[in-house]
PDB file of N, CA and C in Angstrom:
ATOM      1  N   MET A   1     129.676 129.194 153.810  1.00  0.00           N
ATOM      2  CA  MET A   1     128.397 129.040 153.196  1.00  0.00           C
ATOM      3  C   MET A   1     128.307 127.657 152.300  1.00  0.00           C
ATOM      4  N   LYS A   2     127.375 126.916 152.212  1.00  0.00           N
ATOM      5  CA  LYS A   2     127.304 126.200 151.335  1.00  0.00           C
ATOM      6  C   LYS A   2     126.228 126.126 150.269  1.00  0.00           C
ATOM      7  N   LEU A   3     126.545 125.663 148.754  1.00  0.00           N
ATOM      8  CA  LEU A   3     125.626 125.870 148.010  1.00  0.00           C
ATOM      9  C   LEU A   3     125.736 124.730 147.061  1.00  0.00           C
ATOM     10  N   ILE A   4     124.533 124.442 146.267  1.00  0.00           N
ATOM     11  CA  ILE A   4     124.746 123.345 145.368  1.00  0.00           C
ATOM     12  C   ILE A   4     124.409 123.936 144.114  1.00  0.00           C
ATOM     13  N   TYR A   5     125.219 123.059 143.078  1.00  0.00           N
ATOM     14  CA  TYR A   5     125.229 123.588 141.646  1.00  0.00           C
ATOM     15  C   TYR A   5     124.528 122.422 140.834  1.00  0.00           C
ATOM     16  N   CYS A   6     123.483 122.539 140.123  1.00  0.00           N
ATOM     17  CA  CYS A   6     122.817 121.388 139.334  1.00  0.00           C
ATOM     18  C   CYS A   6     123.561 121.387 138.288  1.00  0.00           C
ATOM     19  N   ILE A   7     123.780 120.109 137.843  1.00  0.00           N
ATOM     20  CA  ILE A   7     124.581 119.685 136.385  1.00  0.00           C
ATOM     21  C   ILE A   7     123.666 119.690 135.454  1.00  0.00           C
ATOM     22  N   LYS A   8     122.456 119.462 135.869  1.00  0.00           N
ATOM     23  CA  LYS A   8     121.299 119.338 134.662  1.00  0.00           C
ATOM     24  C   LYS A   8     120.981 120.840 134.303  1.00  0.00           C
ATOM     25  N   CYS A   9     120.645 121.380 135.167  1.00  0.00           N
ATOM     26  CA  CYS A   9     119.976 122.805 134.613  1.00  0.00           C
ATOM     27  C   CYS A   9     120.989 124.185 134.818  1.00  0.00           C
ATOM     28  N   GLY A  10     122.108 123.977 135.587  1.00  0.00           N
ATOM     29  CA  GLY A  10     123.015 125.063 135.853  1.00  0.00           C
ATOM     30  C   GLY A  10     122.765 125.976 137.071  1.00  0.00           C
ATOM     31  N   ASP A  11     121.678 125.784 137.600  1.00  0.00           N
ATOM     32  CA  ASP A  11     121.178 126.867 138.739  1.00  0.00           C
ATOM     33  C   ASP A  11     122.013 126.439 139.992  1.00  0.00           C
ATOM     34  N   VAL A  12     122.415 127.504 140.514  1.00  0.00           N
ATOM     35  CA  VAL A  12     123.287 127.501 141.619  1.00  0.00           C
ATOM     36  C   VAL A  12     121.995 127.839 142.903  1.00  0.00           C
ATOM     37  N   VAL A  13     122.110 127.104 144.067  1.00  0.00           N
ATOM     38  CA  VAL A  13     121.212 127.527 145.004  1.00  0.00           C
ATOM     39  C   VAL A  13     121.890 127.281 146.754  1.00  0.00           C
ATOM     40  N   ALA A  14     121.778 128.380 147.353  1.00  0.00           N
ATOM     41  CA  ALA A  14     122.292 128.571 148.517  1.00  0.00           C
ATOM     42  C   ALA A  14     121.413 127.545 149.532  1.00  0.00           C
ATOM     43  N   LEU A  15     122.163 126.610 150.249  1.00  0.00           N
ATOM     44  CA  LEU A  15     121.327 125.978 151.496  1.00  0.00           C
ATOM     45  C   LEU A  15     120.924 126.641 152.393  1.00  0.00           C
ATOM     46  N   ARG A  16     120.017 126.201 152.995  1.00  0.00           N
ATOM     47  CA  ARG A  16     119.085 126.697 154.086  1.00  0.00           C
ATOM     48  C   ARG A  16     118.761 125.505 155.159  1.00  0.00           C
ATOM     49  N   ARG A  17     118.151 125.824 156.053  1.00  0.00           N
ATOM     50  CA  ARG A  17     117.663 124.923 156.998  1.00  0.00           C
ATOM     51  C   ARG A  17     116.328 123.940 156.584  1.00  0.00           C
ATOM     52  N   GLN A  18     115.880 124.666 155.562  1.00  0.00           N
ATOM     53  CA  GLN A  18     114.422 124.037 154.793  1.00  0.00           C
ATOM     54  C   GLN A  18     115.010 123.775 153.460  1.00  0.00           C
ATOM     55  N   GLU A  19     114.488 122.590 153.076  1.00  0.00           N
ATOM     56  CA  GLU A  19     114.933 122.012 151.830  1.00  0.00           C
ATOM     57  C   GLU A  19     114.870 122.973 150.570  1.00  0.00           C
ATOM     58  N   ARG A  20     115.790 123.113 149.609  1.00  0.00           N
ATOM     59  CA  ARG A  20     115.560 123.992 148.519  1.00  0.00           C
ATOM     60  C   ARG A  20     116.005 123.331 147.396  1.00  0.00           C
ATOM     61  N   SER A  21     115.392 123.566 146.387  1.00  0.00           N
ATOM     62  CA  SER A  21     115.744 122.693 145.048  1.00  0.00           C
ATOM     63  C   SER A  21     116.220 123.933 143.912  1.00  0.00           C
ATOM     64  N   CYS A  22     116.746 123.486 142.860  1.00  0.00           N
ATOM     65  CA  CYS A  22     117.257 123.849 141.680  1.00  0.00           C
ATOM     66  C   CYS A  22     115.982 124.395 140.946  1.00  0.00           C
ATOM     67  N   PHE A  23     116.265 125.108 139.948  1.00  0.00           N
ATOM     68  CA  PHE A  23     115.134 125.443 138.986  1.00  0.00           C
ATOM     69  C   PHE A  23     114.325 124.183 138.319  1.00  0.00           C
ATOM     70  N   CYS A  24     115.343 123.256 137.889  1.00  0.00           N
ATOM     71  CA  CYS A  24     114.520 121.929 137.415  1.00  0.00           C
ATOM     72  C   CYS A  24     114.049 120.926 138.366  1.00  0.00           C
ATOM     73  N   GLY A  25     114.426 121.268 139.526  1.00  0.00           N
ATOM     74  CA  GLY A  25     114.082 120.262 140.566  1.00  0.00           C
ATOM     75  C   GLY A  25     114.514 119.093 140.699  1.00  0.00           C
ATOM     76  N   LYS A  26     115.533 118.923 140.154  1.00  0.00           N
ATOM     77  CA  LYS A  26     116.441 117.276 140.254  1.00  0.00           C
ATOM     78  C   LYS A  26     117.386 117.440 141.469  1.00  0.00           C
ATOM     79  N   SER A  27     118.018 118.642 141.561  1.00  0.00           N
ATOM     80  CA  SER A  27     119.056 118.850 142.912  1.00  0.00           C
ATOM     81  C   SER A  27     118.161 119.555 144.073  1.00  0.00           C
ATOM     82  N   LYS A  28     118.630 118.705 145.098  1.00  0.00           N
ATOM     83  CA  LYS A  28     118.001 119.372 146.369  1.00  0.00           C
ATOM     84  C   LYS A  28     118.937 119.387 147.540  1.00  0.00           C
ATOM     85  N   GLY A  29     118.835 120.188 148.476  1.00  0.00           N
ATOM     86  CA  GLY A  29     119.750 120.112 149.530  1.00  0.00           C
ATOM     87  C   GLY A  29     119.242 121.014 150.798  1.00  0.00           C
ATOM     88  N   LEU A  30     119.786 120.618 152.008  1.00  0.00           N
ATOM     89  CA  LEU A  30     119.283 121.472 153.266  1.00  0.00           C
ATOM     90  C   LEU A  30     120.308 121.415 154.386  1.00  0.00           C
ATOM     91  N   TYR A  31     120.558 122.335 155.075  1.00  0.00           N
ATOM     92  CA  TYR A  31     121.465 122.176 156.345  1.00  0.00           C
ATOM     93  C   TYR A  31     120.723 121.360 157.296  1.00  0.00           C
ATOM     94  N   GLY A  32     121.463 120.688 158.352  1.00  0.00           N
ATOM     95  CA  GLY A  32     120.898 119.893 159.477  1.00  0.00           C
ATOM     96  C   GLY A  32     120.830 120.967 160.447  1.00  0.00           C
ATOM     97  N   PRO A  33     120.095 120.618 161.554  1.00  0.00           N
ATOM     98  CA  PRO A  33     119.895 121.477 162.561  1.00  0.00           C
ATOM     99  C   PRO A  33     120.935 122.186 163.082  1.00  0.00           C
ATOM    100  N   ASP A  34     122.172 121.637 163.061  1.00  0.00           N
ATOM    101  CA  ASP A  34     123.567 122.191 163.543  1.00  0.00           C
ATOM    102  C   ASP A  34     123.976 123.301 162.758  1.00  0.00           C
ATOM    103  N   GLY A  35     123.465 123.515 161.443  1.00  0.00           N
ATOM    104  CA  GLY A  35     123.768 124.695 160.633  1.00  0.00           C
ATOM    105  C   GLY A  35     125.208 124.571 159.923  1.00  0.00           C
ATOM    106  N   LEU A  36     125.898 123.190 160.200  1.00  0.00           N
ATOM    107  CA  LEU A  36     127.032 122.952 159.141  1.00  0.00           C
ATOM    108  C   LEU A  36     127.043 121.819 158.610  1.00  0.00           C
ATOM    109  N   HIS A  37     126.296 120.698 159.102  1.00  0.00           N
ATOM    110  CA  HIS A  37     126.354 119.589 158.094  1.00  0.00           C
ATOM    111  C   HIS A  37     125.099 119.688 157.292  1.00  0.00           C
ATOM    112  N   ALA A  38     125.333 119.325 155.971  1.00  0.00           N
ATOM    113  CA  ALA A  38     124.145 119.408 155.059  1.00  0.00           C
ATOM    114  C   ALA A  38     124.050 117.999 154.220  1.00  0.00           C
ATOM    115  N   THR A  39     122.824 117.850 153.885  1.00  0.00           N
ATOM    116  CA  THR A  39     122.392 116.800 152.953  1.00  0.00           C
ATOM    117  C   THR A  39     121.928 117.069 151.714  1.00  0.00           C
ATOM    118  N   ILE A  40     122.442 116.650 150.680  1.00  0.00           N
ATOM    119  CA  ILE A  40     122.162 116.995 149.293  1.00  0.00           C
ATOM    120  C   ILE A  40     121.582 115.645 148.234  1.00  0.00           C
ATOM    121  N   SER A  41     121.062 116.072 147.389  1.00  0.00           N
ATOM    122  CA  SER A  41     120.708 114.787 146.282  1.00  0.00           C
ATOM    123  C   SER A  41     120.440 115.272 144.952  1.00  0.00           C
ATOM    124  N   GLY A  42     120.282 114.145 144.266  1.00  0.00           N
ATOM    125  CA  GLY A  42     120.556 114.623 142.808  1.00  0.00           C
ATOM    126  C   GLY A  42     121.601 114.960 142.254  1.00  0.00           C
ATOM    127  N   PRO A  43     121.814 115.423 140.919  1.00  0.00           N
ATOM    128  CA  PRO A  43     122.906 115.746 140.140  1.00  0.00           C
ATOM    129  C   PRO A  43     123.608 117.156 140.587  1.00  0.00           C
ATOM    130  N   ALA A  44     123.752 116.939 142.022  1.00  0.00           N
ATOM    131  CA  ALA A  44     124.248 118.134 142.665  1.00  0.00           C
ATOM    132  C   ALA A  44     125.744 118.180 142.972  1.00  0.00           C
ATOM    133  N   ILE A  45     126.391 119.361 142.758  1.00  0.00           N
ATOM    134  CA  ILE A  45     127.716 119.366 143.034  1.00  0.00           C
ATOM    135  C   ILE A  45     127.879 120.563 144.370  1.00  0.00           C
ATOM    136  N   PRO A  46     128.293 120.040 145.425  1.00  0.00           N
ATOM    137  CA  PRO A  46     128.436 120.987 146.443  1.00  0.00           C
ATOM    138  C   PRO A  46     129.435 122.231 146.341  1.00  0.00           C
ATOM    139  N   LEU A  47     128.962 123.341 146.498  1.00  0.00           N
ATOM    140  CA  LEU A  47     129.982 124.402 146.573  1.00  0.00           C
ATOM    141  C   LEU A  47     130.014 125.143 147.896  1.00  0.00           C
ATOM    142  N   GLY A  48     131.145 125.582 148.059  1.00  0.00           N
ATOM    143  CA  GLY A  48     131.409 126.491 149.591  1.00  0.00           C
ATOM    144  C   GLY A  48     132.152 127.993 149.103  1.00  0.00           C
ATOM    145  N   PHE A  49     131.656 128.848 150.069  1.00  0.00           N
ATOM    146  CA  PHE A  49     132.368 130.130 150.235  1.00  0.00           C
ATOM    147  C   PHE A  49     132.903 130.144 151.321  1.00  0.00           C
ATOM    148  N   THR A  50     134.117 130.561 151.426  1.00  0.00           N
ATOM    149  CA  THR A  50     134.782 130.948 152.843  1.00  0.00           C
ATOM    150  C   THR A  50     133.936 131.968 153.282  1.00  0.00           C
ATOM    151  N   ASN A  51     133.381 131.991 154.596  1.00  0.00           N
ATOM    152  CA  ASN A  51     132.470 132.994 155.081  1.00  0.00           C
ATOM    153  C   ASN A  51     133.289 134.105 155.406  1.00  0.00           C
ATOM    154  N   GLN A  52     134.246 134.104 155.739  1.00  0.00           N
ATOM    155  CA  GLN A  52     134.965 135.350 156.118  1.00  0.00           C
ATOM    156  C   GLN A  52     135.548 136.264 155.004  1.00  0.00           C
ATOM    157  N   SER A  53     135.662 135.510 154.199  1.00  0.00           N
ATOM    158  CA  SER A  53     136.123 136.191 152.974  1.00  0.00           C
ATOM    159  C   SER A  53     135.142 136.860 152.270  1.00  0.00           C
ATOM    160  N   PHE A  54     133.801 136.058 152.139  1.00  0.00           N
ATOM    161  CA  PHE A  54     132.624 136.670 151.533  1.00  0.00           C
ATOM    162  C   PHE A  54     132.311 137.739 152.431  1.00  0.00           C
ATOM    163  N   ARG A  55     131.953 137.768 153.348  1.00  0.00           N
ATOM    164  CA  ARG A  55     131.759 138.870 154.426  1.00  0.00           C
ATOM    165  C   ARG A  55     132.672 140.292 154.147  1.00  0.00           C
ATOM    166  N   HIS A  56     133.862 139.797 153.974  1.00  0.00           N
ATOM    167  CA  HIS A  56     134.699 141.094 153.769  1.00  0.00           C
ATOM    168  C   HIS A  56     134.627 141.560 152.353  1.00  0.00           C
ATOM    169  N   ALA A  57     134.583 140.821 151.064  1.00  0.00           N
ATOM    170  CA  ALA A  57     134.001 141.307 149.908  1.00  0.00           C
ATOM    171  C   ALA A  57     132.692 142.031 150.022  1.00  0.00           C
ATOM    172  N   LEU A  58     131.712 141.664 150.715  1.00  0.00           N
ATOM    173  CA  LEU A  58     130.685 142.246 150.881  1.00  0.00           C
ATOM    174  C   LEU A  58     130.863 143.749 151.424  1.00  0.00           C
ATOM    175  N   MET A  59     131.510 143.541 152.622  1.00  0.00           N
ATOM    176  CA  MET A  59     131.598 145.179 153.298  1.00  0.00           C
ATOM    177  C   MET A  59     132.589 145.915 152.367  1.00  0.00           C
ATOM    178  N   ASN A  60     133.458 145.376 151.576  1.00  0.00           N
ATOM    179  CA  ASN A  60     134.108 146.228 150.723  1.00  0.00           C
ATOM    180  C   ASN A  60     133.975 146.327 149.112  1.00  0.00           C
ATOM    181  N   GLN A  61     132.721 146.380 148.831  1.00  0.00           N
ATOM    182  CA  GLN A  61     132.076 146.214 147.585  1.00  0.00           C
ATOM    183  C   GLN A  61     132.567 147.745 146.959  1.00  0.00           C
ATOM    184  N   PRO A  62     133.329 147.848 145.713  1.00  0.00           N
ATOM    185  CA  PRO A  62     133.800 148.915 145.229  1.00  0.00           C
ATOM    186  C   PRO A  62     132.666 149.721 144.556  1.00  0.00           C
ATOM    187  N   GLU A  63     132.887 150.963 144.477  1.00  0.00           N
ATOM    188  CA  GLU A  63     131.649 151.649 143.748  1.00  0.00           C
ATOM    189  C   GLU A  63     131.838 151.657 142.332  1.00  0.00           C
ATOM    190  N   THR A  64     132.846 151.361 141.760  1.00  0.00           N
ATOM    191  CA  THR A  64     133.271 151.115 140.170  1.00  0.00           C
ATOM    192  C   THR A  64     134.127 150.221 140.100  1.00  0.00           C
ATOM    193  N   GLY A  65     134.504 149.709 138.774  1.00  0.00           N
ATOM    194  CA  GLY A  65     135.553 148.850 138.604  1.00  0.00           C
ATOM    195  C   GLY A  65     135.195 147.480 138.843  1.00  0.00           C
ATOM    196  N   LEU A  66     136.225 146.443 139.091  1.00  0.00           N
ATOM    197  CA  LEU A  66     136.068 145.062 139.105  1.00  0.00           C
ATOM    198  C   LEU A  66     135.489 144.792 140.575  1.00  0.00           C
ATOM    199  N   GLY A  67     134.501 144.160 140.589  1.00  0.00           N
ATOM    200  CA  GLY A  67     134.182 143.609 142.093  1.00  0.00           C
ATOM    201  C   GLY A  67     135.148 143.039 143.145  1.00  0.00           C
ATOM    202  N   LYS A  68     134.566 143.150 144.347  1.00  0.00           N
ATOM    203  CA  LYS A  68     135.642 142.536 145.249  1.00  0.00           C
ATOM    204  C   LYS A  68     135.871 141.049 145.221  1.00  0.00           C
ATOM    205  N   GLU A  69     136.918 140.353 145.127  1.00  0.00           N
ATOM    206  CA  GLU A  69     137.016 138.672 144.890  1.00  0.00           C
ATOM    207  C   GLU A  69     136.807 138.074 146.472  1.00  0.00           C
ATOM    208  N   PHE A  70     136.515 136.967 146.345  1.00  0.00           N
ATOM    209  CA  PHE A  70     136.530 136.114 147.588  1.00  0.00           C
ATOM    210  C   PHE A  70     136.607 134.964 147.402  1.00  0.00           C
ATOM    211  N   THR A  71     136.572 133.807 148.250  1.00  0.00           N
ATOM    212  CA  THR A  71     137.213 132.636 148.100  1.00  0.00           C
ATOM    213  C   THR A  71     135.787 131.763 147.875  1.00  0.00           C
ATOM    214  N   ALA A  72     135.703 130.977 146.763  1.00  0.00           N
ATOM    215  CA  ALA A  72     134.714 129.941 146.565  1.00  0.00           C
ATOM    216  C   ALA A  72     135.581 128.774 145.999  1.00  0.00           C
ATOM    217  N   PHE A  73     134.784 127.530 146.612  1.00  0.00           N
ATOM    218  CA  PHE A  73     135.468 126.410 146.215  1.00  0.00           C
ATOM    219  C   PHE A  73     134.282 125.262 145.787  1.00  0.00           C
ATOM    220  N   VAL A  74     134.766 124.092 145.059  1.00  0.00           N
ATOM    221  CA  VAL A  74     134.074 123.112 144.974  1.00  0.00           C
ATOM    222  C   VAL A  74     134.502 122.055 146.187  1.00  0.00           C
ATOM    223  N   ILE A  75     133.256 121.714 146.894  1.00  0.00           N
ATOM    224  CA  ILE A  75     133.659 120.870 148.127  1.00  0.00           C
ATOM    225  C   ILE A  75     133.874 119.297 147.662  1.00  0.00           C
ATOM    226  N   GLN A  76     134.928 118.754 148.148  1.00  0.00           N
ATOM    227  CA  GLN A  76     135.431 117.677 147.851  1.00  0.00           C
ATOM    228  C   GLN A  76     134.401 116.473 147.901  1.00  0.00           C
ATOM    229  N   LYS A  77     134.517 115.302 147.120  1.00  0.00           N
ATOM    230  CA  LYS A  77     133.591 114.369 146.884  1.00  0.00           C
ATOM    231  C   LYS A  77     133.318 113.606 148.297  1.00  0.00           C
ATOM    232  N   VAL A  78     134.207 113.371 149.007  1.00  0.00           N
ATOM    233  CA  VAL A  78     133.987 112.823 150.507  1.00  0.00           C
ATOM    234  C   VAL A  78     134.316 114.011 151.395  1.00  0.00           C
ATOM    235  N   CYS A  79     133.235 114.297 152.199  1.00  0.00           N
ATOM    236  CA  CYS A  79     133.434 115.386 153.027  1.00  0.00           C
ATOM    237  C   CYS A  79     132.506 114.997 154.472  1.00  0.00           C
ATOM    238  N   ASP A  80     133.225 115.490 155.635  1.00  0.00           N
ATOM    239  CA  ASP A  80     132.315 115.000 156.755  1.00  0.00           C
ATOM    240  C   ASP A  80     131.089 115.936 156.948  1.00  0.00           C
ATOM    241  N   THR A  81     131.243 116.956 156.286  1.00  0.00           N
ATOM    242  CA  THR A  81     129.838 117.890 156.386  1.00  0.00           C
ATOM    243  C   THR A  81     128.809 117.822 155.275  1.00  0.00           C
ATOM    244  N   VAL A  82     129.062 117.121 154.533  1.00  0.00           N
ATOM    245  CA  VAL A  82     128.036 116.750 153.325  1.00  0.00           C
ATOM    246  C   VAL A  82     127.766 115.373 153.036  1.00  0.00           C
ATOM    247  N   GLU A  83     126.568 115.127 153.164  1.00  0.00           N
ATOM    248  CA  GLU A  83     125.983 113.760 152.950  1.00  0.00           C
ATOM    249  C   GLU A  83     125.259 113.873 151.663  1.00  0.00           C
ATOM    250  N   ILE A  84     125.729 113.157 150.651  1.00  0.00           N
ATOM    251  CA  ILE A  84     124.836 112.739 149.410  1.00  0.00           C
ATOM    252  C   ILE A  84     124.180 111.718 149.613  1.00  0.00           C
ATOM    253  N   VAL A  85     122.869 111.772 149.181  1.00  0.00           N
ATOM    254  CA  VAL A  85     121.805 110.673 149.356  1.00  0.00           C
ATOM    255  C   VAL A  85     121.213 110.592 148.061  1.00  0.00           C
TER     256      VAL A  85
END
């Protein structure tokens, strides 16, 4: 799963196949038709969740105590699946 973090307003937005923007509207992004490649623009930093890790955390949400951890990461500046325009 890819998301963008706007360094202007601090909003985090999950990408979809339709363009989405952050609260201030300066960072935008969307998935391409293949659902893997994304295009982002503005003062956005791309983020990623390891899908399997995220699903596992969702399925194993504890009733109490600390939440279930999953793997999230900042996507590298040069990435084959993220185009920055």
